[in-house]
Protein backbone atom coordinates (compact mmCIF):
# COMPACT_ATOMS: atom_id res chain seq x y z
CA MET A 1 -24.73 1.57 50.96
CA ILE A 2 -22.22 -1.12 50.53
CA ALA A 3 -18.92 0.21 48.82
CA ALA A 4 -17.24 -1.21 45.78
CA SER A 5 -14.21 -2.31 47.83
CA GLU A 6 -15.90 -4.53 50.87
CA LEU A 7 -18.38 -6.68 47.74
CA ILE A 8 -16.59 -6.52 44.95
CA LEU A 9 -18.28 -7.04 40.98
CA ASN A 10 -17.06 -8.56 38.17
CA PRO A 11 -17.49 -6.11 34.93
CA ASP A 12 -20.67 -8.12 33.89
CA GLY A 13 -21.88 -7.75 37.10
CA SER A 14 -21.44 -11.08 38.71
CA VAL A 15 -20.34 -11.43 42.38
CA TYR A 16 -16.34 -11.68 42.07
CA HIS A 17 -14.88 -15.32 43.04
CA ILE A 18 -17.88 -17.13 42.37
CA ASN A 19 -18.83 -15.62 39.24
CA LEU A 20 -22.53 -15.47 39.51
CA LYS A 21 -25.46 -13.43 38.77
CA PRO A 22 -28.72 -12.81 40.79
CA GLY A 23 -31.45 -15.30 39.58
CA GLN A 24 -28.64 -18.20 38.87
CA ILE A 25 -28.92 -20.12 41.90
CA ALA A 26 -31.90 -21.98 43.61
CA ASN A 27 -33.01 -21.80 46.84
CA ASP A 28 -31.68 -25.57 47.46
CA ILE A 29 -28.28 -25.49 47.23
CA ILE A 30 -25.70 -28.31 47.60
CA PHE A 31 -22.31 -28.08 48.58
CA VAL A 32 -19.34 -29.92 47.45
CA GLY A 33 -15.41 -29.64 48.17
CA ASP A 34 -14.62 -30.90 45.01
CA GLN A 35 -15.32 -29.11 41.59
CA ASN A 36 -15.07 -32.93 39.31
CA ARG A 37 -17.89 -33.90 42.10
CA VAL A 38 -20.66 -30.96 40.90
CA GLU A 39 -20.90 -33.18 37.59
CA LYS A 40 -20.86 -36.84 39.55
CA ILE A 41 -24.20 -34.79 40.90
CA THR A 42 -25.77 -33.40 38.08
CA LYS A 43 -25.20 -35.83 36.02
CA HIS A 44 -28.66 -37.12 37.99
CA PHE A 45 -30.85 -34.08 36.77
CA ASP A 46 -33.45 -34.01 34.29
CA SER A 47 -31.95 -30.89 32.90
CA ILE A 48 -28.85 -28.07 33.59
CA GLU A 49 -29.89 -24.55 32.64
CA PHE A 50 -26.86 -22.82 33.62
CA THR A 51 -22.97 -23.72 34.18
CA THR A 52 -20.12 -21.66 35.49
CA GLN A 53 -16.36 -21.95 36.44
CA LYS A 54 -13.83 -19.14 38.38
CA ARG A 55 -10.86 -20.99 40.21
CA GLU A 56 -12.22 -23.50 42.54
CA PHE A 57 -15.68 -22.38 42.31
CA LYS A 58 -17.70 -24.36 39.75
CA THR A 59 -21.91 -23.93 40.03
CA GLN A 60 -24.16 -26.24 37.91
CA THR A 61 -28.32 -25.11 38.43
CA GLY A 62 -30.62 -27.36 37.55
CA THR A 63 -34.09 -29.53 37.93
CA TYR A 64 -33.96 -33.02 39.58
CA LYS A 65 -37.49 -34.59 39.49
CA GLY A 66 -38.93 -31.21 39.40
CA LYS A 67 -37.17 -29.38 42.35
CA ARG A 68 -34.73 -26.73 41.02
CA ILE A 69 -31.23 -27.68 42.35
CA THR A 70 -27.86 -25.89 42.38
CA VAL A 71 -25.05 -27.88 43.06
CA MET A 72 -21.28 -25.61 43.94
CA SER A 73 -17.82 -26.45 44.78
CA SER A 74 -16.65 -24.58 47.74
CA GLY A 75 -13.00 -25.97 47.54
CA ILE A 76 -11.51 -27.06 50.57
CA GLY A 77 -11.26 -25.00 54.35
CA PRO A 78 -13.04 -22.49 56.34
CA ASP A 79 -11.32 -19.51 54.43
CA ASN A 80 -12.89 -20.80 51.27
CA ILE A 81 -16.39 -21.14 52.90
CA ASP A 82 -16.43 -17.46 53.87
CA ILE A 83 -16.00 -16.17 50.71
CA VAL A 84 -18.66 -18.66 49.32
CA MET A 85 -21.22 -18.16 51.88
CA ASN A 86 -20.66 -14.16 51.87
CA GLU A 87 -21.12 -14.11 48.58
CA LEU A 88 -24.16 -16.44 48.07
CA ASP A 89 -26.04 -14.00 50.66
CA ALA A 90 -24.72 -11.27 48.43
CA LEU A 91 -26.58 -12.67 45.83
CA VAL A 92 -30.08 -12.97 47.45
CA ASN A 93 -29.89 -10.49 50.06
CA VAL A 94 -28.45 -7.52 48.21
CA ASP A 95 -29.37 -5.28 45.71
CA LEU A 96 -26.36 -5.12 43.66
CA ALA A 97 -27.22 -2.47 41.40
CA THR A 98 -27.96 0.16 44.44
CA ARG A 99 -25.56 -1.81 46.91
CA THR A 100 -28.20 -1.87 49.89
CA VAL A 101 -29.65 -4.65 51.66
CA LYS A 102 -33.41 -5.86 50.96
CA ASN A 103 -35.61 -5.05 52.72
CA GLU A 104 -37.48 -8.55 52.40
CA LEU A 105 -34.45 -11.50 53.13
CA THR A 106 -34.39 -15.03 51.57
CA SER A 107 -33.23 -17.87 53.43
CA LEU A 108 -31.24 -20.45 51.27
CA ASN A 109 -30.94 -24.44 52.15
CA ILE A 110 -27.30 -24.93 51.89
CA VAL A 111 -26.55 -29.16 52.33
CA ARG A 112 -23.03 -29.97 52.31
CA ILE A 113 -22.46 -33.68 50.93
CA GLY A 114 -18.41 -34.45 51.75
CA THR A 115 -16.22 -37.22 52.94
CA SER A 116 -14.71 -37.61 56.01
CA GLY A 117 -13.13 -39.86 58.86
CA SER A 118 -14.63 -41.25 61.73
CA LEU A 119 -13.40 -40.82 64.94
CA GLN A 120 -15.69 -43.52 66.69
CA ALA A 121 -15.35 -47.48 65.89
CA ASP A 122 -18.78 -47.78 65.67
CA ILE A 123 -19.01 -45.99 62.97
CA PRO A 124 -18.02 -47.92 59.96
CA CYS A 125 -16.16 -46.88 56.97
CA ASP A 126 -19.16 -46.52 53.93
CA SER A 127 -21.83 -45.00 56.55
CA PHE A 128 -22.90 -41.76 56.28
CA VAL A 129 -22.99 -38.91 59.40
CA MET A 130 -25.25 -36.40 59.73
CA SER A 131 -23.92 -33.49 61.51
CA GLN A 132 -26.27 -31.81 64.47
CA TYR A 133 -23.33 -29.76 65.23
CA GLY A 134 -20.23 -28.10 64.16
CA LEU A 135 -17.18 -27.84 66.08
CA GLY A 136 -14.81 -25.01 64.62
CA LEU A 137 -11.21 -25.66 65.71
CA ASP A 138 -10.17 -23.08 62.95
CA ASN A 139 -10.04 -19.02 63.79
CA MET A 140 -12.34 -17.79 60.84
CA LEU A 141 -15.59 -17.32 62.36
CA ARG A 142 -13.84 -15.74 65.41
CA SER A 143 -13.75 -12.28 63.03
CA TYR A 144 -17.36 -12.07 63.44
CA LEU A 145 -19.63 -11.44 66.46
CA ILE A 146 -20.68 -15.31 67.26
CA ASP A 147 -21.51 -15.39 70.96
CA GLU A 148 -25.09 -15.55 70.20
CA ILE A 149 -25.11 -17.88 68.67
CA SER A 150 -22.14 -20.07 69.98
CA GLU A 151 -23.17 -24.04 72.02
CA ILE A 152 -20.86 -22.14 74.92
CA GLU A 153 -21.36 -24.68 77.46
CA MET A 154 -20.38 -27.52 75.14
CA GLU A 155 -17.35 -25.14 74.01
CA GLU A 156 -16.29 -24.89 77.73
CA ALA A 157 -16.07 -28.94 78.06
CA PHE A 158 -14.42 -29.33 74.91
CA ILE A 159 -12.29 -26.56 76.14
CA LYS A 160 -11.99 -28.29 79.73
CA GLN A 161 -11.87 -32.32 78.58
CA THR A 162 -9.18 -31.70 75.69
CA ASN A 163 -7.07 -29.41 78.05
CA TRP A 164 -7.12 -26.94 74.65
CA ASP A 165 -4.32 -24.70 74.22
CA MET A 166 -5.89 -21.44 74.14
CA ARG A 167 -2.92 -20.21 72.11
CA LYS A 168 -4.74 -21.57 69.01
CA GLY A 169 -7.54 -19.58 69.57
CA ARG A 170 -11.03 -20.48 71.10
CA PRO A 171 -13.00 -23.53 69.05
CA TYR A 172 -16.62 -22.79 68.64
CA VAL A 173 -19.72 -24.68 68.49
CA ILE A 174 -22.69 -24.17 66.28
CA ALA A 175 -25.78 -26.15 65.54
CA GLY A 176 -26.86 -27.68 62.22
CA SER A 177 -30.29 -26.23 61.04
CA LYS A 178 -33.37 -28.58 62.61
CA THR A 179 -35.59 -28.02 59.94
CA LEU A 180 -33.34 -29.50 56.92
CA GLU A 181 -32.69 -32.38 59.94
CA GLN A 182 -35.72 -33.34 59.52
CA ARG A 183 -36.12 -32.95 56.06
CA LEU A 184 -32.99 -35.49 55.83
CA GLU A 185 -32.93 -37.87 58.56
CA SER A 186 -33.48 -41.63 58.57
CA ASP A 187 -32.69 -44.53 60.33
CA LYS A 188 -29.30 -45.36 58.20
CA ILE A 189 -28.07 -42.24 59.50
CA PHE A 190 -25.68 -41.63 62.33
CA LYS A 191 -25.95 -38.22 63.86
CA GLY A 192 -22.96 -36.36 64.93
CA PHE A 193 -20.69 -33.83 66.04
CA THR A 194 -18.63 -33.11 63.30
CA GLY A 195 -14.81 -31.44 64.09
CA THR A 196 -13.15 -28.78 61.54
CA ALA A 197 -9.89 -28.51 61.27
CA GLY A 198 -8.10 -25.63 59.66
CA GLY A 199 -5.24 -27.65 57.62
CA PHE A 200 -5.04 -31.39 56.88
CA TYR A 201 -2.04 -32.21 58.41
CA GLY A 202 -0.86 -31.32 61.83
CA PRO A 203 -4.57 -29.64 62.76
CA GLN A 204 -5.72 -33.12 62.30
CA GLY A 205 -3.07 -34.89 64.08
CA ARG A 206 -1.34 -35.75 60.92
CA VAL A 207 2.66 -36.54 61.44
CA VAL A 208 4.66 -36.66 58.22
CA ARG A 209 7.69 -34.38 59.16
CA LEU A 210 6.69 -31.95 61.56
CA GLY A 211 5.93 -32.18 65.42
CA ILE A 212 2.88 -31.49 66.37
CA GLN A 213 1.37 -28.91 69.39
CA ASP A 214 -0.83 -31.89 70.77
CA PRO A 215 0.15 -35.36 69.77
CA GLU A 216 -2.68 -36.79 71.81
CA LEU A 217 -5.45 -34.28 70.77
CA ASN A 218 -7.24 -36.74 68.48
CA SER A 219 -7.90 -39.80 71.47
CA LYS A 220 -9.02 -36.60 73.53
CA MET A 221 -11.37 -36.06 70.97
CA ASP A 222 -12.42 -39.41 70.58
CA SER A 223 -13.39 -39.75 74.21
CA PHE A 224 -15.63 -36.32 74.24
CA ASN A 225 -18.80 -36.46 76.01
CA PHE A 226 -20.84 -33.68 76.59
CA ASN A 227 -24.45 -34.96 78.07
CA GLY A 228 -24.07 -38.16 75.71
CA THR A 229 -23.10 -36.14 72.34
CA ARG A 230 -19.28 -37.18 71.32
CA MET A 231 -17.52 -36.58 68.54
CA THR A 232 -17.96 -38.90 65.15
CA ASN A 233 -15.80 -37.11 62.42
CA LEU A 234 -13.26 -34.58 61.51
CA GLU A 235 -13.28 -32.51 58.25
CA MET A 236 -12.65 -29.06 57.29
CA GLU A 237 -15.76 -26.97 56.67
CA THR A 238 -18.87 -27.72 58.18
CA GLY A 239 -18.05 -25.67 61.45
CA ALA A 240 -17.55 -22.59 59.30
CA ILE A 241 -20.83 -23.32 57.13
CA TYR A 242 -23.04 -23.48 60.05
CA GLY A 243 -21.76 -20.51 61.84
CA LEU A 244 -21.92 -18.43 58.82
CA GLY A 245 -25.15 -19.16 57.54
CA LYS A 246 -26.86 -19.26 61.24
CA LEU A 247 -25.19 -15.33 61.43
CA LEU A 248 -26.66 -14.50 57.67
CA GLY A 249 -30.12 -16.74 58.40
CA HIS A 250 -29.87 -19.68 55.89
CA ASN A 251 -30.57 -22.89 56.80
CA CYS A 252 -27.55 -25.45 56.78
CA LEU A 253 -26.76 -29.03 57.08
CA SER A 254 -23.53 -31.38 56.26
CA LEU A 255 -23.90 -35.19 55.56
CA ASN A 256 -20.52 -36.92 55.06
CA ALA A 257 -19.69 -40.29 53.34
CA ILE A 258 -17.10 -41.90 56.30
CA ILE A 259 -14.52 -43.62 53.86
CA ALA A 260 -11.60 -43.83 56.66
CA ASN A 261 -12.29 -45.29 59.87
CA ARG A 262 -9.29 -43.56 62.16
CA ALA A 263 -10.39 -45.36 65.20
CA THR A 264 -9.49 -48.63 63.66
CA GLY A 265 -7.35 -47.92 61.14
CA THR A 266 -9.15 -48.81 58.13
CA PHE A 267 -10.33 -47.52 54.46
CA SER A 268 -13.32 -47.92 52.40
CA GLU A 269 -12.30 -50.61 49.81
CA ASP A 270 -15.05 -48.05 47.65
CA PRO A 271 -14.72 -44.55 48.89
CA TYR A 272 -16.53 -43.63 45.16
CA LYS A 273 -19.53 -45.69 45.94
CA ALA A 274 -20.36 -44.52 49.36
CA VAL A 275 -20.12 -40.90 47.92
CA ASP A 276 -22.33 -42.10 44.91
CA GLU A 277 -24.99 -43.53 47.59
CA LEU A 278 -25.03 -40.12 49.47
CA ILE A 279 -25.17 -37.95 46.34
CA GLU A 280 -28.77 -40.09 45.30
CA TYR A 281 -30.22 -40.04 48.87
CA THR A 282 -29.49 -36.49 49.44
CA LEU A 283 -31.06 -36.03 46.05
CA ASN A 284 -34.24 -37.80 46.76
CA LYS A 285 -34.25 -35.96 50.10
CA LEU A 286 -34.40 -32.64 48.99
CA ALA A 287 -37.09 -33.50 45.73
CA GLU A 288 -39.74 -35.09 48.03
């Protein structure tokens, strides 16, 4: 039995942080970082059956073209992903009344819609990137047993090519869901290798007032190449989603609207339009 201290429930029986009960989520789930982006997606729905919010975790479940879909805000960063992924899994794979793992496990389809900055000059602003791999530069996932799901050769290549300082922890590489990749791909989308940083400023090479450990890291990532796979973009959630999803048996895929190009120093003239187009594209693919 799972102890009350390990899986915390609210007085109404909902899971602690995300404030949800079993049955309130669909099998197809869209993640966004910003709670205000949830309704930018669900405004396209035919109907909304359920809404809740606690802290930054806002959830709406409804129907789009006959397809039941849940949209949830995860907040920013791998630490929030640790909360959301574990609690979503508990909703479908733990009997909350008996606090035991179910005999039959459910696999969720989780698609992240995010914004990101491109690391490559030829991936322009307003384009879309589908992450075939997530590279975790944070240490959150290293709290779990991940060696069997990691792309070890790619990890070693990244460490060597960037002269990575191991005092920051060992980077990890996890592949996204091939099932969802086939479901959501098109010739409009760049397929990529997405870096997941543990912060927005120093961890992504930004300098305001503080010096950083490796000022050349971004340029090293720009030139990284492993058997033709190069780094395409940098954000703060994908690697963590892929890792926990694979460990828990869920299909996960990350799609990003590119709103900045750090190689050329450019920014989208209308980032909201790019995000809206990615939202509509994703909804239509999920509803097929």
